[in-house]
Amino acid sequence: MKLNLFWHRKGSNRMKSFFVTGTDTAVGKTVVTAALISLARARGIDAVPMKPVQSGCESRNGDLYAPDLIFILDINGIEASPEESHLMCPCTLELPCSPHLAAERAGREIETGPIVESYHRLAERHEMIIVEGAGGLLVPVNAKIMMIDLIKMLNLPVILVARPGLGTLNHTLLSLRELRRQNIAVTGVAFCETEPAAGDYIEEDNKKTVARLGNVTILGTLPHIADMDSLRHASARFRQIAEENFPNVKILWGE
C-alpha cells in the first residue's frame, strides 16, 4: 500500500514533516535536527523529533534510552511522556553499530511496520515531525530494508546533512543522486562543522559546488560547538546560533 505524505493542520497552519539523513555517520544529523526543531518552535510550529531506530542506546534500570532523542528534547525544553518517547523512538538497540547488526546481535529483527505506525500516531498529535535517520542512506535497517527504503515508506522530503570540508563533494553529490534516482524530494542540504572549521577556500567552494552540481538549496552551515552539553539547557542561545547560521531554513515553512 502506498503511504501518502502526511499533512497536518493545526489552527490555520498547514505543515509537512521532513526526514533528516546524512552523507555518513557522525556528520551532525542530531544537532541539525535539534536546530530545525528549535527554529520551527520559535515560529509557533508544534514540531517534535522522531528517531525511528537508535543503536548505541544507554541502559538505565533495565531500559534503553536513546541519547540522540534525549539530547534533542533537552535542548529544546520539550517534555515527552513515556508513551510519546516510545513513539519518538520505537526501536532502541544497545550496541553502537549499524542497526541491522545491533538488532542481529540482540537476537532481533527490526520491523518497519511499528515505525511507520509510530510516525503516523505522532503526526496525528503534532504539526511537524522531523525524523532523524541512522547513518547514511544505504545503511541496512534489516536484511531487506535500507534507510532510504524507510524514507520512501514515510514518503517524506529529505534534508541532507553533510560535512563542509575536504571529501564532502563525492559523498554529498552521490547521496543527492541516489535520492533523486529513487524519486525522493530533497528540500535542502545542511552543512555541519563536526570539527573546528578550517574556514578556507575549499569549504566555501564546496558549498557553491554542491549547490550548483547538486541543484539544491543550501540551508546554511551550523558551526562547530566545542562544548555542546553547555547548551543542553540553554535553548534560547542554541536557537540564536541556529537562526544566525541557517539563513535559508525559511523554505521549510514556506516563507
C-alpha atoms as a PDB file:
ATOM      1  CA  MET A   1       0.000   0.000   0.000  1.00  0.00           C
ATOM      2  CA  LYS A   2       1.383   3.413  -0.932  1.00  0.00           C
ATOM      3  CA  LEU A   3       1.684   5.762   2.026  1.00  0.00           C
ATOM      4  CA  ASN A   4       0.748   9.339   1.236  1.00  0.00           C
ATOM      5  CA  LEU A   5       2.658  12.316   2.569  1.00  0.00           C
ATOM      6  CA  PHE A   6       1.045  13.128   5.894  1.00  0.00           C
ATOM      7  CA  TRP A   7      -0.061  16.746   6.102  1.00  0.00           C
ATOM      8  CA  HIS A   8      -1.065  18.246   9.424  1.00  0.00           C
ATOM      9  CA  ARG A   9      -3.420  21.099  10.184  1.00  0.00           C
ATOM     10  CA  LYS A  10      -3.489  22.974  13.464  1.00  0.00           C
ATOM     11  CA  GLY A  11      -5.343  26.255  13.508  1.00  0.00           C
ATOM     12  CA  SER A  12      -4.552  27.976  10.205  1.00  0.00           C
ATOM     13  CA  ASN A  13      -1.115  26.384   9.787  1.00  0.00           C
ATOM     14  CA  ARG A  14      -0.576  23.660   7.253  1.00  0.00           C
ATOM     15  CA  MET A  15       2.754  21.946   7.759  1.00  0.00           C
ATOM     16  CA  LYS A  16       4.628  18.959   6.479  1.00  0.00           C
ATOM     17  CA  SER A  17       7.291  16.809   8.054  1.00  0.00           C
ATOM     18  CA  PHE A  18      10.861  16.087   6.988  1.00  0.00           C
ATOM     19  CA  PHE A  19      13.415  13.293   7.135  1.00  0.00           C
ATOM     20  CA  VAL A  20      16.948  14.293   8.152  1.00  0.00           C
ATOM     21  CA  THR A  21      19.555  11.949   6.730  1.00  0.00           C
ATOM     22  CA  GLY A  22      23.304  12.260   6.301  1.00  0.00           C
ATOM     23  CA  THR A  23      26.152  11.522   3.966  1.00  0.00           C
ATOM     24  CA  ASP A  24      27.650   9.327   6.691  1.00  0.00           C
ATOM     25  CA  THR A  25      27.519   8.646  10.407  1.00  0.00           C
ATOM     26  CA  ALA A  26      28.621  11.377  12.831  1.00  0.00           C
ATOM     27  CA  VAL A  27      28.047  14.229  10.363  1.00  0.00           C
ATOM     28  CA  GLY A  28      25.833  16.221  12.733  1.00  0.00           C
ATOM     29  CA  LYS A  29      22.327  14.923  11.991  1.00  0.00           C
ATOM     30  CA  THR A  30      21.238  15.138  15.621  1.00  0.00           C
ATOM     31  CA  VAL A  31      22.430  18.712  16.103  1.00  0.00           C
ATOM     32  CA  VAL A  32      20.841  19.806  12.831  1.00  0.00           C
ATOM     33  CA  THR A  33      17.578  18.084  13.759  1.00  0.00           C
ATOM     34  CA  ALA A  34      17.613  19.853  17.118  1.00  0.00           C
ATOM     35  CA  ALA A  35      18.280  23.190  15.389  1.00  0.00           C
ATOM     36  CA  LEU A  36      15.427  22.749  12.909  1.00  0.00           C
ATOM     37  CA  ILE A  37      13.002  21.895  15.693  1.00  0.00           C
ATOM     38  CA  SER A  38      14.201  24.922  17.656  1.00  0.00           C
ATOM     39  CA  LEU A  39      13.618  27.225  14.698  1.00  0.00           C
ATOM     40  CA  ALA A  40      10.193  25.731  13.957  1.00  0.00           C
ATOM     41  CA  ARG A  41       9.042  26.049  17.558  1.00  0.00           C
ATOM     42  CA  ALA A  42      10.260  29.661  17.667  1.00  0.00           C
ATOM     43  CA  ARG A  43       7.751  30.298  14.869  1.00  0.00           C
ATOM     44  CA  GLY A  44       4.931  28.755  16.872  1.00  0.00           C
ATOM     45  CA  ILE A  45       5.021  25.440  14.999  1.00  0.00           C
ATOM     46  CA  ASP A  46       4.397  22.376  17.119  1.00  0.00           C
ATOM     47  CA  ALA A  47       7.466  20.471  15.897  1.00  0.00           C
ATOM     48  CA  VAL A  48       8.776  17.348  17.613  1.00  0.00           C
ATOM     49  CA  PRO A  49      11.554  14.869  16.830  1.00  0.00           C
ATOM     50  CA  MET A  50      11.473  11.215  15.906  1.00  0.00           C
ATOM     51  CA  LYS A  51      14.413   8.824  15.884  1.00  0.00           C
ATOM     52  CA  PRO A  52      12.949   5.630  14.385  1.00  0.00           C
ATOM     53  CA  VAL A  53      15.970   3.457  15.145  1.00  0.00           C
ATOM     54  CA  GLN A  54      18.688   4.232  17.677  1.00  0.00           C
ATOM     55  CA  SER A  55      21.674   1.965  18.210  1.00  0.00           C
ATOM     56  CA  GLY A  56      24.223   2.691  20.915  1.00  0.00           C
ATOM     57  CA  CYS A  57      21.488   3.282  23.494  1.00  0.00           C
ATOM     58  CA  GLU A  58      22.213   3.747  27.183  1.00  0.00           C
ATOM     59  CA  SER A  59      20.924   1.199  29.667  1.00  0.00           C
ATOM     60  CA  ARG A  60      19.214   2.669  32.737  1.00  0.00           C
ATOM     61  CA  ASN A  61      17.429   0.466  35.246  1.00  0.00           C
ATOM     62  CA  GLY A  62      16.901  -2.217  32.638  1.00  0.00           C
ATOM     63  CA  ASP A  63      15.525   0.156  29.997  1.00  0.00           C
ATOM     64  CA  LEU A  64      17.282   1.502  26.917  1.00  0.00           C
ATOM     65  CA  TYR A  65      17.346   5.274  26.416  1.00  0.00           C
ATOM     66  CA  ALA A  66      18.074   6.909  23.069  1.00  0.00           C
ATOM     67  CA  PRO A  67      20.796   9.552  23.614  1.00  0.00           C
ATOM     68  CA  ASP A  68      20.079  11.415  20.359  1.00  0.00           C
ATOM     69  CA  LEU A  69      16.391  11.780  21.158  1.00  0.00           C
ATOM     70  CA  ILE A  70      17.073  12.839  24.751  1.00  0.00           C
ATOM     71  CA  PHE A  71      19.548  15.468  23.557  1.00  0.00           C
ATOM     72  CA  ILE A  72      17.033  16.958  21.087  1.00  0.00           C
ATOM     73  CA  LEU A  73      14.274  17.030  23.696  1.00  0.00           C
ATOM     74  CA  ASP A  74      16.531  18.546  26.352  1.00  0.00           C
ATOM     75  CA  ILE A  75      17.998  21.297  24.206  1.00  0.00           C
ATOM     76  CA  ASN A  76      14.524  22.352  23.096  1.00  0.00           C
ATOM     77  CA  GLY A  77      12.949  22.097  26.537  1.00  0.00           C
ATOM     78  CA  ILE A  78      10.422  19.508  25.343  1.00  0.00           C
ATOM     79  CA  GLU A  79       8.921  17.205  27.961  1.00  0.00           C
ATOM     80  CA  ALA A  80       7.643  13.967  26.462  1.00  0.00           C
ATOM     81  CA  SER A  81       5.589  11.386  28.299  1.00  0.00           C
ATOM     82  CA  PRO A  82       6.891   7.791  28.351  1.00  0.00           C
ATOM     83  CA  GLU A  83       4.288   6.924  25.720  1.00  0.00           C
ATOM     84  CA  GLU A  84       5.353   9.729  23.384  1.00  0.00           C
ATOM     85  CA  SER A  85       9.028   8.965  23.995  1.00  0.00           C
ATOM     86  CA  HIS A  86       8.367   5.445  22.765  1.00  0.00           C
ATOM     87  CA  LEU A  87       6.572   6.744  19.666  1.00  0.00           C
ATOM     88  CA  MET A  88       9.510   9.074  19.018  1.00  0.00           C
ATOM     89  CA  CYS A  89      11.966   6.181  19.235  1.00  0.00           C
ATOM     90  CA  PRO A  90      10.163   2.876  18.748  1.00  0.00           C
ATOM     91  CA  CYS A  91      13.321   0.820  18.220  1.00  0.00           C
ATOM     92  CA  THR A  92      16.198   1.035  20.712  1.00  0.00           C
ATOM     93  CA  LEU A  93      19.347  -1.084  20.453  1.00  0.00           C
ATOM     94  CA  GLU A  94      22.323  -1.241  22.776  1.00  0.00           C
ATOM     95  CA  LEU A  95      25.320  -1.952  20.547  1.00  0.00           C
ATOM     96  CA  PRO A  96      26.826   1.119  18.788  1.00  0.00           C
ATOM     97  CA  CYS A  97      26.850  -0.218  15.237  1.00  0.00           C
ATOM     98  CA  SER A  98      24.651  -0.441  12.155  1.00  0.00           C
ATOM     99  CA  PRO A  99      21.003  -1.035  13.161  1.00  0.00           C
ATOM    100  CA  HIS A 100      20.772  -4.376  11.361  1.00  0.00           C
ATOM    101  CA  LEU A 101      23.864  -5.699  13.153  1.00  0.00           C
ATOM    102  CA  ALA A 102      22.878  -4.306  16.559  1.00  0.00           C
ATOM    103  CA  ALA A 103      19.490  -5.996  16.186  1.00  0.00           C
ATOM    104  CA  GLU A 104      21.032  -9.249  14.982  1.00  0.00           C
ATOM    105  CA  ARG A 105      23.403  -9.349  17.949  1.00  0.00           C
ATOM    106  CA  ALA A 106      20.428  -8.766  20.237  1.00  0.00           C
ATOM    107  CA  GLY A 107      18.529 -11.641  18.638  1.00  0.00           C
ATOM    108  CA  ARG A 108      16.012  -9.334  16.973  1.00  0.00           C
ATOM    109  CA  GLU A 109      14.963  -8.115  13.570  1.00  0.00           C
ATOM    110  CA  ILE A 110      13.803  -4.549  13.106  1.00  0.00           C
ATOM    111  CA  GLU A 111      10.246  -4.361  11.759  1.00  0.00           C
ATOM    112  CA  THR A 112       9.275  -1.274   9.794  1.00  0.00           C
ATOM    113  CA  GLY A 113       5.531  -1.574  10.428  1.00  0.00           C
ATOM    114  CA  PRO A 114       5.681  -0.320  14.041  1.00  0.00           C
ATOM    115  CA  ILE A 115       7.988   2.510  12.945  1.00  0.00           C
ATOM    116  CA  VAL A 116       5.533   3.741  10.306  1.00  0.00           C
ATOM    117  CA  GLU A 117       2.634   3.383  12.748  1.00  0.00           C
ATOM    118  CA  SER A 118       4.531   5.378  15.393  1.00  0.00           C
ATOM    119  CA  TYR A 119       5.202   8.151  12.897  1.00  0.00           C
ATOM    120  CA  HIS A 120       1.538   8.475  11.961  1.00  0.00           C
ATOM    121  CA  ARG A 121       0.440   8.456  15.592  1.00  0.00           C
ATOM    122  CA  LEU A 122       2.833  11.332  16.286  1.00  0.00           C
ATOM    123  CA  ALA A 123       1.619  13.126  13.172  1.00  0.00           C
ATOM    124  CA  GLU A 124      -1.940  12.995  14.470  1.00  0.00           C
ATOM    125  CA  ARG A 125      -0.833  14.933  17.552  1.00  0.00           C
ATOM    126  CA  HIS A 126       1.746  17.407  16.232  1.00  0.00           C
ATOM    127  CA  GLU A 127       2.051  19.806  13.297  1.00  0.00           C
ATOM    128  CA  MET A 128       5.539  18.813  12.198  1.00  0.00           C
ATOM    129  CA  ILE A 129       7.675  15.719  12.766  1.00  0.00           C
ATOM    130  CA  ILE A 130      11.371  15.949  11.995  1.00  0.00           C
ATOM    131  CA  VAL A 131      12.598  12.395  11.630  1.00  0.00           C
ATOM    132  CA  GLU A 132      16.296  11.678  12.073  1.00  0.00           C
ATOM    133  CA  GLY A 133      17.702   8.613  10.364  1.00  0.00           C
ATOM    134  CA  ALA A 134      20.664   6.474  11.384  1.00  0.00           C
ATOM    135  CA  GLY A 135      23.900   6.710   9.423  1.00  0.00           C
ATOM    136  CA  GLY A 136      23.527   7.327   5.704  1.00  0.00           C
ATOM    137  CA  LEU A 137      21.036   6.391   3.027  1.00  0.00           C
ATOM    138  CA  LEU A 138      22.232   2.856   2.370  1.00  0.00           C
ATOM    139  CA  VAL A 139      22.673   1.753   5.970  1.00  0.00           C
ATOM    140  CA  PRO A 140      20.759  -1.528   6.418  1.00  0.00           C
ATOM    141  CA  VAL A 141      17.796  -1.489   8.777  1.00  0.00           C
ATOM    142  CA  ASN A 142      17.286  -5.233   8.458  1.00  0.00           C
ATOM    143  CA  ALA A 143      18.147  -7.961   5.959  1.00  0.00           C
ATOM    144  CA  LYS A 144      15.943  -6.424   3.247  1.00  0.00           C
ATOM    145  CA  ILE A 145      15.413  -2.759   4.074  1.00  0.00           C
ATOM    146  CA  MET A 146      17.859   0.146   3.952  1.00  0.00           C
ATOM    147  CA  MET A 147      17.393   3.595   5.469  1.00  0.00           C
ATOM    148  CA  ILE A 148      16.419   5.012   2.085  1.00  0.00           C
ATOM    149  CA  ASP A 149      13.587   2.456   1.907  1.00  0.00           C
ATOM    150  CA  LEU A 150      12.274   3.702   5.239  1.00  0.00           C
ATOM    151  CA  ILE A 151      12.320   7.255   3.876  1.00  0.00           C
ATOM    152  CA  LYS A 152      10.198   6.066   0.965  1.00  0.00           C
ATOM    153  CA  MET A 153       7.782   4.281   3.295  1.00  0.00           C
ATOM    154  CA  LEU A 154       7.252   7.503   5.242  1.00  0.00           C
ATOM    155  CA  ASN A 155       7.128   9.440   1.958  1.00  0.00           C
ATOM    156  CA  LEU A 156       8.886  12.475   3.412  1.00  0.00           C
ATOM    157  CA  PRO A 157      11.068  15.119   1.757  1.00  0.00           C
ATOM    158  CA  VAL A 158      14.704  14.938   2.810  1.00  0.00           C
ATOM    159  CA  ILE A 159      17.145  17.344   4.404  1.00  0.00           C
ATOM    160  CA  LEU A 160      20.651  16.048   3.777  1.00  0.00           C
ATOM    161  CA  VAL A 161      23.341  16.769   6.383  1.00  0.00           C
ATOM    162  CA  ALA A 162      26.967  16.890   5.248  1.00  0.00           C
ATOM    163  CA  ARG A 163      30.394  17.981   6.389  1.00  0.00           C
ATOM    164  CA  PRO A 164      31.630  21.125   4.627  1.00  0.00           C
ATOM    165  CA  GLY A 165      35.302  20.138   4.373  1.00  0.00           C
ATOM    166  CA  LEU A 166      37.530  18.183   2.023  1.00  0.00           C
ATOM    167  CA  GLY A 167      35.900  14.979   0.747  1.00  0.00           C
ATOM    168  CA  THR A 168      32.319  16.139   1.046  1.00  0.00           C
ATOM    169  CA  LEU A 169      31.723  16.668  -2.674  1.00  0.00           C
ATOM    170  CA  ASN A 170      31.723  12.993  -3.582  1.00  0.00           C
ATOM    171  CA  HIS A 171      29.679  11.901  -0.545  1.00  0.00           C
ATOM    172  CA  THR A 172      27.122  14.672  -0.867  1.00  0.00           C
ATOM    173  CA  LEU A 173      26.632  14.526  -4.623  1.00  0.00           C
ATOM    174  CA  LEU A 174      26.363  10.726  -4.562  1.00  0.00           C
ATOM    175  CA  SER A 175      23.715  10.949  -1.839  1.00  0.00           C
ATOM    176  CA  LEU A 176      21.753  13.561  -3.791  1.00  0.00           C
ATOM    177  CA  ARG A 177      21.974  11.455  -6.946  1.00  0.00           C
ATOM    178  CA  GLU A 178      20.638   8.367  -5.166  1.00  0.00           C
ATOM    179  CA  LEU A 179      17.781  10.293  -3.558  1.00  0.00           C
ATOM    180  CA  ARG A 180      16.695  11.626  -6.931  1.00  0.00           C
ATOM    181  CA  ARG A 181      17.192   8.285  -8.647  1.00  0.00           C
ATOM    182  CA  GLN A 182      14.616   6.927  -6.218  1.00  0.00           C
ATOM    183  CA  ASN A 183      12.292   9.917  -6.737  1.00  0.00           C
ATOM    184  CA  ILE A 184      12.682  11.267  -3.207  1.00  0.00           C
ATOM    185  CA  ALA A 185      12.203  15.013  -2.853  1.00  0.00           C
ATOM    186  CA  VAL A 186      15.186  16.926  -1.470  1.00  0.00           C
ATOM    187  CA  THR A 187      14.378  20.108   0.453  1.00  0.00           C
ATOM    188  CA  GLY A 188      17.967  21.182   1.017  1.00  0.00           C
ATOM    189  CA  VAL A 189      21.454  20.458   2.296  1.00  0.00           C
ATOM    190  CA  ALA A 190      22.549  21.496   5.778  1.00  0.00           C
ATOM    191  CA  PHE A 191      26.272  21.588   6.438  1.00  0.00           C
ATOM    192  CA  CYS A 192      27.528  20.950   9.951  1.00  0.00           C
ATOM    193  CA  GLU A 193      31.001  21.622  11.314  1.00  0.00           C
ATOM    194  CA  THR A 194      31.824  18.472  13.288  1.00  0.00           C
ATOM    195  CA  GLU A 195      35.312  19.811  13.980  1.00  0.00           C
ATOM    196  CA  PRO A 196      36.723  23.341  14.334  1.00  0.00           C
ATOM    197  CA  ALA A 197      36.177  24.975  10.958  1.00  0.00           C
ATOM    198  CA  ALA A 198      39.061  25.427   8.580  1.00  0.00           C
ATOM    199  CA  GLY A 199      37.104  28.333   7.111  1.00  0.00           C
ATOM    200  CA  ASP A 200      39.194  28.173   3.974  1.00  0.00           C
ATOM    201  CA  TYR A 201      38.540  28.467   0.270  1.00  0.00           C
ATOM    202  CA  ILE A 202      37.913  24.713  -0.009  1.00  0.00           C
ATOM    203  CA  GLU A 203      34.905  24.801   2.296  1.00  0.00           C
ATOM    204  CA  GLU A 204      33.462  27.861   0.617  1.00  0.00           C
ATOM    205  CA  ASP A 205      33.834  26.327  -2.824  1.00  0.00           C
ATOM    206  CA  ASN A 206      32.366  23.015  -1.629  1.00  0.00           C
ATOM    207  CA  LYS A 207      29.140  24.758  -0.671  1.00  0.00           C
ATOM    208  CA  LYS A 208      28.905  26.536  -4.021  1.00  0.00           C
ATOM    209  CA  THR A 209      29.742  23.357  -5.926  1.00  0.00           C
ATOM    210  CA  VAL A 210      27.168  21.242  -4.081  1.00  0.00           C
ATOM    211  CA  ALA A 211      24.527  23.901  -4.726  1.00  0.00           C
ATOM    212  CA  ARG A 212      25.410  24.095  -8.422  1.00  0.00           C
ATOM    213  CA  LEU A 213      26.075  20.454  -9.331  1.00  0.00           C
ATOM    214  CA  GLY A 214      23.529  19.092  -6.887  1.00  0.00           C
ATOM    215  CA  ASN A 215      20.893  21.642  -7.964  1.00  0.00           C
ATOM    216  CA  VAL A 216      19.919  22.068  -4.337  1.00  0.00           C
ATOM    217  CA  THR A 217      19.326  24.794  -1.766  1.00  0.00           C
ATOM    218  CA  ILE A 218      21.975  25.129   0.932  1.00  0.00           C
ATOM    219  CA  LEU A 219      20.127  25.813   4.182  1.00  0.00           C
ATOM    220  CA  GLY A 220      23.288  27.014   5.902  1.00  0.00           C
ATOM    221  CA  THR A 221      26.205  25.790   7.990  1.00  0.00           C
ATOM    222  CA  LEU A 222      25.908  25.040  11.685  1.00  0.00           C
ATOM    223  CA  PRO A 223      29.238  25.914  13.317  1.00  0.00           C
ATOM    224  CA  HIS A 224      31.280  23.583  15.492  1.00  0.00           C
ATOM    225  CA  ILE A 225      30.280  23.929  19.144  1.00  0.00           C
ATOM    226  CA  ALA A 226      33.120  22.680  21.339  1.00  0.00           C
ATOM    227  CA  ASP A 227      31.007  22.011  24.436  1.00  0.00           C
ATOM    228  CA  MET A 228      27.568  21.112  23.174  1.00  0.00           C
ATOM    229  CA  ASP A 229      26.451  19.958  26.620  1.00  0.00           C
ATOM    230  CA  SER A 230      26.835  23.544  27.833  1.00  0.00           C
ATOM    231  CA  LEU A 231      23.842  24.404  25.614  1.00  0.00           C
ATOM    232  CA  ARG A 232      21.781  21.398  26.615  1.00  0.00           C
ATOM    233  CA  HIS A 233      19.534  23.506  28.838  1.00  0.00           C
ATOM    234  CA  ALA A 234      20.175  26.832  27.112  1.00  0.00           C
ATOM    235  CA  SER A 235      17.548  26.647  24.401  1.00  0.00           C
ATOM    236  CA  ALA A 236      17.491  30.391  23.688  1.00  0.00           C
ATOM    237  CA  ARG A 237      21.236  30.509  22.994  1.00  0.00           C
ATOM    238  CA  PHE A 238      21.067  27.408  20.820  1.00  0.00           C
ATOM    239  CA  ARG A 239      18.175  28.898  18.843  1.00  0.00           C
ATOM    240  CA  GLN A 240      20.185  32.078  18.296  1.00  0.00           C
ATOM    241  CA  ILE A 241      23.063  30.057  16.851  1.00  0.00           C
ATOM    242  CA  ALA A 242      20.642  28.247  14.539  1.00  0.00           C
ATOM    243  CA  GLU A 243      18.973  31.486  13.416  1.00  0.00           C
ATOM    244  CA  GLU A 244      22.322  33.084  12.599  1.00  0.00           C
ATOM    245  CA  ASN A 245      23.638  30.158  10.573  1.00  0.00           C
ATOM    246  CA  PHE A 246      20.611  28.727   8.725  1.00  0.00           C
ATOM    247  CA  PRO A 247      19.507  31.712   6.611  1.00  0.00           C
ATOM    248  CA  ASN A 248      17.593  29.614   4.077  1.00  0.00           C
ATOM    249  CA  VAL A 249      15.689  27.443   6.541  1.00  0.00           C
ATOM    250  CA  LYS A 250      12.599  29.567   5.868  1.00  0.00           C
ATOM    251  CA  ILE A 251      11.784  27.354   2.880  1.00  0.00           C
ATOM    252  CA  LEU A 252      10.749  24.644   5.359  1.00  0.00           C
ATOM    253  CA  TRP A 253       7.740  26.689   6.436  1.00  0.00           C
ATOM    254  CA  GLY A 254       7.028  28.302   3.098  1.00  0.00           C
ATOM    255  CA  GLU A 255       8.316  31.787   3.876  1.00  0.00           C
END
